[in-house]
Amino acid sequence: LNQFASVAEKHSRRQLRALRAVQRSLCAGCGQFVPSHRKLHYNDPLYPTFDHVDLRSAGGKRHLSNGLLKHRACNQTRGTAPPTGCDRIWLASNAKGLADRTRSFKPWFKGGIRNPQSLSDREVFSNLL
């Protein structure tokens, strides 16, 4: 993100990145791949969006526990309709994945401090086998 991005915009990007990792870049609406926002125009129907399962107009918050990664078109198709059973299943799956995820993907923090949650190279390769 550039230095002029707002704090809210940076927070939104982090939430979408977390949802992308947990959902494996799949849209919760149609099940198709969700491309990176960097490759698309903001108004593109395939642009990644944060879908509020409990609608904001009904008091739903913008928390990871209330969000799904969807294409803009899939998010707009649902509109203000109540969440479907599939939305609830995706939400439960995301909750499990978010609970198990590492908070940071960086192996080292600034100042040379090792991230205790990151895997060593040996652990990464042993997990692949």
Protein backbone atom coordinates (compact mmCIF):
# COMPACT_ATOMS: atom_id res chain seq x y z
CA LEU A 1 0.00 0.00 0.00
CA ASN A 2 1.18 3.47 -0.67
CA GLN A 3 1.98 5.95 2.06
CA PHE A 4 -1.15 7.98 1.33
CA ALA A 5 -3.63 5.15 1.85
CA SER A 6 -5.98 5.74 4.76
CA VAL A 7 -5.86 3.61 7.88
CA ALA A 8 -9.31 2.20 7.07
CA GLU A 9 -8.17 1.26 3.55
CA LYS A 10 -5.11 -0.55 4.92
CA HIS A 11 -7.30 -2.38 7.43
CA SER A 12 -9.69 -3.40 4.62
CA ARG A 13 -6.81 -4.73 2.53
CA ARG A 14 -5.51 -6.78 5.48
CA GLN A 15 -8.96 -8.27 6.02
CA LEU A 16 -9.29 -9.20 2.35
CA ARG A 17 -5.79 -10.71 2.40
CA ALA A 18 -6.72 -12.84 5.43
CA LEU A 19 -9.99 -13.96 3.80
CA ARG A 20 -8.14 -14.71 0.55
CA ALA A 21 -5.72 -16.97 2.42
CA VAL A 22 -8.46 -18.79 4.35
CA GLN A 23 -10.80 -19.19 1.36
CA ARG A 24 -7.90 -20.10 -0.96
CA SER A 25 -8.85 -17.22 -3.29
CA LEU A 26 -12.28 -18.71 -3.99
CA CYS A 27 -15.42 -16.59 -4.16
CA ALA A 28 -17.98 -17.59 -1.52
CA GLY A 29 -20.75 -16.68 -3.97
CA CYS A 30 -19.86 -18.66 -7.09
CA GLY A 31 -16.83 -20.75 -6.11
CA GLN A 32 -14.63 -19.30 -8.86
CA PHE A 33 -11.13 -17.86 -8.45
CA VAL A 34 -10.96 -14.26 -7.19
CA PRO A 35 -8.10 -12.37 -8.91
CA SER A 36 -5.96 -9.80 -7.13
CA HIS A 37 -7.34 -6.28 -6.84
CA ARG A 38 -4.09 -5.01 -8.39
CA LYS A 39 -5.01 -6.53 -11.77
CA LEU A 40 -8.55 -5.17 -11.96
CA HIS A 41 -10.33 -1.83 -12.15
CA TYR A 42 -12.36 -0.99 -9.03
CA ASN A 43 -15.68 -1.32 -10.92
CA ASP A 44 -14.81 -4.67 -12.52
CA PRO A 45 -17.40 -7.38 -11.68
CA LEU A 46 -14.56 -9.74 -10.64
CA TYR A 47 -13.04 -7.22 -8.20
CA PRO A 48 -12.64 -8.76 -4.70
CA THR A 49 -15.02 -7.41 -2.05
CA PHE A 50 -15.84 -7.98 1.61
CA ASP A 51 -19.38 -9.33 1.87
CA HIS A 52 -21.03 -8.71 5.24
CA VAL A 53 -22.95 -11.87 6.18
CA ASP A 54 -24.93 -9.92 8.76
CA LEU A 55 -25.73 -6.77 6.81
CA ARG A 56 -24.26 -3.46 7.94
CA SER A 57 -27.72 -1.92 7.66
CA ALA A 58 -28.90 -4.52 10.19
CA GLY A 59 -26.03 -3.78 12.59
CA GLY A 60 -23.42 -6.19 11.20
CA LYS A 61 -19.83 -5.14 11.82
CA ARG A 62 -16.85 -5.20 9.48
CA HIS A 63 -15.08 -7.98 11.34
CA LEU A 64 -13.46 -11.07 9.90
CA SER A 65 -16.02 -13.09 11.84
CA ASN A 66 -18.77 -11.46 9.74
CA GLY A 67 -17.14 -11.38 6.31
CA LEU A 68 -16.68 -13.41 3.16
CA LEU A 69 -14.51 -12.82 0.11
CA LYS A 70 -16.72 -12.45 -2.98
CA HIS A 71 -16.54 -10.97 -6.46
CA ARG A 72 -18.19 -7.56 -6.71
CA ALA A 73 -20.91 -9.07 -8.95
CA CYS A 74 -21.61 -11.91 -6.48
CA ASN A 75 -21.76 -9.46 -3.57
CA GLN A 76 -24.16 -7.18 -5.47
CA THR A 77 -26.31 -10.13 -6.55
CA ARG A 78 -27.03 -10.98 -2.93
CA GLY A 79 -27.70 -7.34 -2.15
CA THR A 80 -29.80 -6.99 1.01
CA ALA A 81 -31.13 -10.55 0.94
CA PRO A 82 -30.57 -12.61 4.09
CA PRO A 83 -27.50 -14.86 4.11
CA THR A 84 -27.91 -18.26 2.50
CA GLY A 85 -26.98 -21.57 4.08
CA CYS A 86 -23.86 -21.59 1.91
CA ASP A 87 -22.84 -18.20 3.35
CA ARG A 88 -23.17 -19.64 6.87
CA ILE A 89 -21.11 -22.71 5.91
CA TRP A 90 -18.38 -20.51 4.41
CA LEU A 91 -18.43 -18.36 7.54
CA ALA A 92 -17.99 -21.40 9.82
CA SER A 93 -15.16 -22.70 7.62
CA ASN A 94 -13.47 -19.28 7.68
CA ALA A 95 -13.76 -19.10 11.48
CA LYS A 96 -11.86 -22.38 11.78
CA GLY A 97 -9.21 -21.27 9.28
CA LEU A 98 -8.80 -17.86 10.88
CA ALA A 99 -8.33 -19.42 14.32
CA ASP A 100 -5.53 -21.62 12.97
CA ARG A 101 -3.74 -18.99 10.86
CA THR A 102 -0.49 -17.31 11.74
CA ARG A 103 -0.82 -13.61 12.45
CA SER A 104 2.13 -12.67 10.30
CA PHE A 105 3.73 -14.36 7.34
CA LYS A 106 7.05 -12.62 7.89
CA PRO A 107 9.78 -14.88 9.30
CA TRP A 108 11.59 -11.88 10.77
CA PHE A 109 10.36 -8.60 12.19
CA LYS A 110 12.17 -5.28 12.06
CA GLY A 111 15.24 -5.19 14.23
CA GLY A 112 16.15 -8.81 13.53
CA ILE A 113 13.55 -10.32 15.87
CA ARG A 114 12.39 -13.78 14.78
CA ASN A 115 8.64 -14.32 14.41
CA PRO A 116 7.78 -17.17 16.79
CA GLN A 117 4.71 -18.08 14.70
CA SER A 118 6.55 -18.50 11.41
CA LEU A 119 7.78 -21.88 10.30
CA SER A 120 11.45 -22.55 9.76
CA ASP A 121 12.59 -23.62 6.28
CA ARG A 122 12.98 -27.17 7.55
CA GLU A 123 9.39 -27.24 8.85
CA VAL A 124 8.04 -25.84 5.57
CA PHE A 125 9.77 -28.52 3.51
CA SER A 126 8.76 -31.31 5.90
CA ASN A 127 5.10 -30.19 5.63
CA LEU A 128 5.29 -30.44 1.84
CA LEU A 129 6.36 -34.09 1.92
